C-alpha atoms as a PDB file:
ATOM      1  CA  UNK A   1      26.466-122.494  44.395  1.00  0.00           C
ATOM      2  CA  UNK A   2      26.485-123.779  47.947  1.00  0.00           C
ATOM      3  CA  UNK A   3      23.079-123.329  49.612  1.00  0.00           C
ATOM      4  CA  UNK A   4      21.990-124.203  53.140  1.00  0.00           C
ATOM      5  CA  UNK A   5      18.920-123.952  55.387  1.00  0.00           C
ATOM      6  CA  UNK A   6      18.915-124.159  59.186  1.00  0.00           C
ATOM      7  CA  UNK A   7      15.681-124.131  61.206  1.00  0.00           C
ATOM      8  CA  UNK A   8      14.736-124.547  64.843  1.00  0.00           C
ATOM      9  CA  UNK A   9      11.889-123.814  67.247  1.00  0.00           C
ATOM     10  CA  UNK A  10      12.634-122.058  70.523  1.00  0.00           C
ATOM     11  CA  UNK A  11      11.165-123.318  73.831  1.00  0.00           C
ATOM     12  CA  UNK A  12       8.847-120.242  73.783  1.00  0.00           C
ATOM     13  CA  UNK A  13       7.411-121.298  70.413  1.00  0.00           C
ATOM     14  CA  UNK A  14       9.368-118.894  68.237  1.00  0.00           C
ATOM     15  CA  UNK A  15      10.761-119.947  64.876  1.00  0.00           C
ATOM     16  CA  UNK A  16      14.341-119.302  63.806  1.00  0.00           C
ATOM     17  CA  UNK A  17      15.357-119.934  60.211  1.00  0.00           C
ATOM     18  CA  UNK A  18      18.528-119.103  58.261  1.00  0.00           C
ATOM     19  CA  UNK A  19      19.011-119.543  54.525  1.00  0.00           C
ATOM     20  CA  UNK A  20      22.555-118.986  53.298  1.00  0.00           C
ATOM     21  CA  UNK A  21      24.381-119.029  49.991  1.00  0.00           C
ATOM     22  CA  UNK A  22      28.061-118.713  49.149  1.00  0.00           C
ATOM     23  CA  UNK A  23      28.900-115.772  46.915  1.00  0.00           C
ATOM     24  CA  UNK A  24      31.774-115.381  44.504  1.00  0.00           C
ATOM     25  CA  UNK A  25      31.785-111.652  45.305  1.00  0.00           C
ATOM     26  CA  UNK A  26      29.843-109.054  47.270  1.00  0.00           C
ATOM     27  CA  UNK A  27      26.611-107.910  45.623  1.00  0.00           C
ATOM     28  CA  UNK A  28      26.330-104.532  47.362  1.00  0.00           C
ATOM     29  CA  UNK A  29      28.976-102.127  48.611  1.00  0.00           C
ATOM     30  CA  UNK A  30      29.974-102.340  52.266  1.00  0.00           C
ATOM     31  CA  UNK A  31      28.146 -99.119  53.133  1.00  0.00           C
ATOM     32  CA  UNK A  32      24.883 -98.078  54.776  1.00  0.00           C
ATOM     33  CA  UNK A  33      23.441 -97.564  51.278  1.00  0.00           C
ATOM     34  CA  UNK A  34      24.536-101.104  50.371  1.00  0.00           C
ATOM     35  CA  UNK A  35      22.793-102.465  53.470  1.00  0.00           C
ATOM     36  CA  UNK A  36      19.559-100.624  52.557  1.00  0.00           C
ATOM     37  CA  UNK A  37      19.819-102.016  49.027  1.00  0.00           C
ATOM     38  CA  UNK A  38      19.731-105.567  50.438  1.00  0.00           C
ATOM     39  CA  UNK A  39      16.317-104.833  51.947  1.00  0.00           C
ATOM     40  CA  UNK A  40      15.026-103.197  48.775  1.00  0.00           C
ATOM     41  CA  UNK A  41      16.164-106.180  46.693  1.00  0.00           C
ATOM     42  CA  UNK A  42      14.547-108.674  49.070  1.00  0.00           C
ATOM     43  CA  UNK A  43      11.127-106.954  49.030  1.00  0.00           C
ATOM     44  CA  UNK A  44      11.292-106.622  45.227  1.00  0.00           C
ATOM     45  CA  UNK A  45      12.018-110.358  44.928  1.00  0.00           C
ATOM     46  CA  UNK A  46       9.062-111.156  47.184  1.00  0.00           C
ATOM     47  CA  UNK A  47       6.738-109.157  44.919  1.00  0.00           C
ATOM     48  CA  UNK A  48       8.151-110.853  41.797  1.00  0.00           C
ATOM     49  CA  UNK A  49       7.846-114.340  43.346  1.00  0.00           C
ATOM     50  CA  UNK A  50       4.224-113.742  44.302  1.00  0.00           C
ATOM     51  CA  UNK A  51       3.524-112.271  40.842  1.00  0.00           C
ATOM     52  CA  UNK A  52       2.250-109.139  42.565  1.00  0.00           C
ATOM     53  CA  UNK A  53      -0.284-110.961  44.737  1.00  0.00           C
ATOM     54  CA  UNK A  54       1.711-109.853  47.799  1.00  0.00           C
ATOM     55  CA  UNK A  55       2.940-106.265  47.706  1.00  0.00           C
ATOM     56  CA  UNK A  56       4.963-104.136  50.055  1.00  0.00           C
ATOM     57  CA  UNK A  57       3.567-100.879  51.384  1.00  0.00           C
ATOM     58  CA  UNK A  58       5.801 -98.390  53.137  1.00  0.00           C
ATOM     59  CA  UNK A  59       3.715 -96.259  55.488  1.00  0.00           C
ATOM     60  CA  UNK A  60       4.762 -94.078  58.397  1.00  0.00           C
ATOM     61  CA  UNK A  61       7.964 -95.966  59.076  1.00  0.00           C
ATOM     62  CA  UNK A  62       6.463 -99.433  58.660  1.00  0.00           C
ATOM     63  CA  UNK A  63       6.599-101.934  55.840  1.00  0.00           C
ATOM     64  CA  UNK A  64       3.468-104.012  55.359  1.00  0.00           C
ATOM     65  CA  UNK A  65       3.159-107.149  53.249  1.00  0.00           C
ATOM     66  CA  UNK A  66      -0.353-106.949  51.840  1.00  0.00           C
ATOM     67  CA  UNK A  67      -2.180-109.817  50.138  1.00  0.00           C
ATOM     68  CA  UNK A  68      -4.420-108.858  47.197  1.00  0.00           C
ATOM     69  CA  UNK A  69      -4.390-105.220  48.272  1.00  0.00           C
ATOM     70  CA  UNK A  70      -6.500-105.865  51.372  1.00  0.00           C
ATOM     71  CA  UNK A  71      -5.057-108.267  53.984  1.00  0.00           C
ATOM     72  CA  UNK A  72      -1.945-107.283  55.920  1.00  0.00           C
ATOM     73  CA  UNK A  73      -0.003-110.513  56.367  1.00  0.00           C
ATOM     74  CA  UNK A  74       2.998-108.947  58.131  1.00  0.00           C
ATOM     75  CA  UNK A  75       4.035-105.557  59.454  1.00  0.00           C
ATOM     76  CA  UNK A  76       7.722-104.730  59.834  1.00  0.00           C
ATOM     77  CA  UNK A  77       9.599-101.753  61.198  1.00  0.00           C
ATOM     78  CA  UNK A  78      11.765 -99.675  58.886  1.00  0.00           C
ATOM     79  CA  UNK A  79      14.993-101.391  57.898  1.00  0.00           C
ATOM     80  CA  UNK A  80      17.764-100.817  60.412  1.00  0.00           C
ATOM     81  CA  UNK A  81      21.177-100.923  58.771  1.00  0.00           C
ATOM     82  CA  UNK A  82      24.505-101.924  60.214  1.00  0.00           C
ATOM     83  CA  UNK A  83      27.938-101.859  58.631  1.00  0.00           C
ATOM     84  CA  UNK A  84      30.552-103.783  60.573  1.00  0.00           C
ATOM     85  CA  UNK A  85      33.905-104.341  58.910  1.00  0.00           C
ATOM     86  CA  UNK A  86      33.265-106.615  55.954  1.00  0.00           C
ATOM     87  CA  UNK A  87      29.566-107.200  56.744  1.00  0.00           C
ATOM     88  CA  UNK A  88      26.461-105.205  55.902  1.00  0.00           C
ATOM     89  CA  UNK A  89      23.050-105.909  57.365  1.00  0.00           C
ATOM     90  CA  UNK A  90      19.480-104.738  56.905  1.00  0.00           C
ATOM     91  CA  UNK A  91      17.172-105.815  59.738  1.00  0.00           C
ATOM     92  CA  UNK A  92      13.399-105.453  59.955  1.00  0.00           C
ATOM     93  CA  UNK A  93      11.607-105.884  63.297  1.00  0.00           C
ATOM     94  CA  UNK A  94       8.425-107.972  63.091  1.00  0.00           C
ATOM     95  CA  UNK A  95       5.597-105.772  64.402  1.00  0.00           C
ATOM     96  CA  UNK A  96       2.484-107.816  63.649  1.00  0.00           C
ATOM     97  CA  UNK A  97       0.045-108.840  60.955  1.00  0.00           C
ATOM     98  CA  UNK A  98      -2.401-111.660  60.301  1.00  0.00           C
ATOM     99  CA  UNK A  99       0.334-114.334  60.259  1.00  0.00           C
ATOM    100  CA  UNK A 100       1.939-113.211  63.543  1.00  0.00           C
ATOM    101  CA  UNK A 101       0.871-114.306  67.030  1.00  0.00           C
ATOM    102  CA  UNK A 102       2.831-111.549  68.765  1.00  0.00           C
ATOM    103  CA  UNK A 103       5.248-108.811  67.829  1.00  0.00           C
ATOM    104  CA  UNK A 104       8.928-109.536  68.167  1.00  0.00           C
ATOM    105  CA  UNK A 105      11.705-111.079  66.191  1.00  0.00           C
ATOM    106  CA  UNK A 106      13.409-109.964  63.014  1.00  0.00           C
ATOM    107  CA  UNK A 107      13.833-110.565  59.312  1.00  0.00           C
ATOM    108  CA  UNK A 108      17.504-109.906  58.563  1.00  0.00           C
ATOM    109  CA  UNK A 109      19.509-109.857  55.345  1.00  0.00           C
ATOM    110  CA  UNK A 110      23.303-109.966  55.777  1.00  0.00           C
ATOM    111  CA  UNK A 111      26.157-109.901  53.285  1.00  0.00           C
ATOM    112  CA  UNK A 112      29.537-110.991  54.609  1.00  0.00           C
ATOM    113  CA  UNK A 113      32.428-110.057  52.329  1.00  0.00           C
ATOM    114  CA  UNK A 114      35.144-112.142  53.933  1.00  0.00           C
ATOM    115  CA  UNK A 115      37.517-114.590  52.234  1.00  0.00           C
ATOM    116  CA  UNK A 116      34.444-116.781  51.570  1.00  0.00           C
ATOM    117  CA  UNK A 117      31.672-114.226  50.870  1.00  0.00           C
ATOM    118  CA  UNK A 118      28.118-115.253  51.733  1.00  0.00           C
ATOM    119  CA  UNK A 119      24.604-113.880  51.895  1.00  0.00           C
ATOM    120  CA  UNK A 120      22.022-114.798  54.563  1.00  0.00           C
ATOM    121  CA  UNK A 121      18.298-114.302  54.980  1.00  0.00           C
ATOM    122  CA  UNK A 122      17.247-115.083  58.533  1.00  0.00           C
ATOM    123  CA  UNK A 123      14.066-114.943  60.553  1.00  0.00           C
ATOM    124  CA  UNK A 124      14.570-115.016  64.315  1.00  0.00           C
ATOM    125  CA  UNK A 125      12.018-114.978  67.100  1.00  0.00           C
ATOM    126  CA  UNK A 126       9.025-115.190  64.753  1.00  0.00           C
ATOM    127  CA  UNK A 127       5.831-116.467  66.414  1.00  0.00           C
ATOM    128  CA  UNK A 128       3.586-117.775  63.626  1.00  0.00           C
ATOM    129  CA  UNK A 129      -0.168-117.667  64.165  1.00  0.00           C
ATOM    130  CA  UNK A 130      -0.745-120.719  61.999  1.00  0.00           C
ATOM    131  CA  UNK A 131       1.774-123.123  63.549  1.00  0.00           C
ATOM    132  CA  UNK A 132      -0.270-123.679  66.722  1.00  0.00           C
ATOM    133  CA  UNK A 133      -3.860-123.592  67.941  1.00  0.00           C
ATOM    134  CA  UNK A 134      -7.069-125.252  66.803  1.00  0.00           C
ATOM    135  CA  UNK A 135      -7.904-126.767  64.394  1.00  0.00           C
ATOM    136  CA  UNK A 136      -4.386-128.178  64.605  1.00  0.00           C
ATOM    137  CA  UNK A 137      -4.241-130.079  61.311  1.00  0.00           C
ATOM    138  CA  UNK A 138      -5.592-127.205  59.198  1.00  0.00           C
ATOM    139  CA  UNK A 139      -3.323-124.615  60.851  1.00  0.00           C
ATOM    140  CA  UNK A 140      -0.231-126.780  60.473  1.00  0.00           C
ATOM    141  CA  UNK A 141      -1.043-127.490  56.844  1.00  0.00           C
ATOM    142  CA  UNK A 142      -1.480-123.788  56.063  1.00  0.00           C
ATOM    143  CA  UNK A 143       1.678-122.892  58.049  1.00  0.00           C
ATOM    144  CA  UNK A 144       3.579-125.550  56.089  1.00  0.00           C
ATOM    145  CA  UNK A 145       2.571-123.771  52.874  1.00  0.00           C
ATOM    146  CA  UNK A 146       3.574-120.390  54.360  1.00  0.00           C
ATOM    147  CA  UNK A 147       6.949-121.832  55.381  1.00  0.00           C
ATOM    148  CA  UNK A 148       7.565-123.282  51.914  1.00  0.00           C
ATOM    149  CA  UNK A 149       6.696-119.960  50.303  1.00  0.00           C
ATOM    150  CA  UNK A 150       9.120-118.096  52.575  1.00  0.00           C
ATOM    151  CA  UNK A 151      11.885-120.592  51.754  1.00  0.00           C
ATOM    152  CA  UNK A 152      11.140-120.300  48.030  1.00  0.00           C
ATOM    153  CA  UNK A 153      11.261-116.482  48.079  1.00  0.00           C
ATOM    154  CA  UNK A 154      14.476-116.477  50.109  1.00  0.00           C
ATOM    155  CA  UNK A 155      16.093-119.098  47.920  1.00  0.00           C
ATOM    156  CA  UNK A 156      15.180-117.204  44.758  1.00  0.00           C
ATOM    157  CA  UNK A 157      16.491-113.953  46.281  1.00  0.00           C
ATOM    158  CA  UNK A 158      19.764-115.599  47.310  1.00  0.00           C
ATOM    159  CA  UNK A 159      20.231-117.457  44.024  1.00  0.00           C
ATOM    160  CA  UNK A 160      19.558-114.348  41.916  1.00  0.00           C
ATOM    161  CA  UNK A 161      21.854-112.294  44.145  1.00  0.00           C
ATOM    162  CA  UNK A 162      24.662-114.822  43.801  1.00  0.00           C
ATOM    163  CA  UNK A 163      24.366-114.577  39.999  1.00  0.00           C
ATOM    164  CA  UNK A 164      24.419-110.768  39.978  1.00  0.00           C
ATOM    165  CA  UNK A 165      27.399-108.421  39.799  1.00  0.00           C
ATOM    166  CA  UNK A 166      28.247-105.799  42.419  1.00  0.00           C
END
């Protein structure tokens, strides 16, 4: 399996990250339901990876990632789906949470079913609370752990998806 990670920081301090894997075949149908399934699968993988320590809560059109049942780490809008030719996408707007400096940006899962099918998990325009501020060393260390956890969840999601059948 071919796997790649691209990351960059915007001049405004936002983080953009894309994890991508080549697929032998599409894992969901190229429909709105298929796009929604990408989001459902991603959140389920996050819960499995964290062994239930982080859970998703769907309330009033928002999805919250809650640590140990008490601390809201992230709040996302409801998944917005898009079907465009051979691509399906489920996109969640970042609304807030403990690990967010300001609302804005997206978590997006995309399946492209072209001649070389691939699956992406991307975070764009995310402003992490822990990447800046004082005490600098402690915040950067904790953000580094947060970043590694995100990459691990995304990689596990992508790897498991690439092994699955449509």
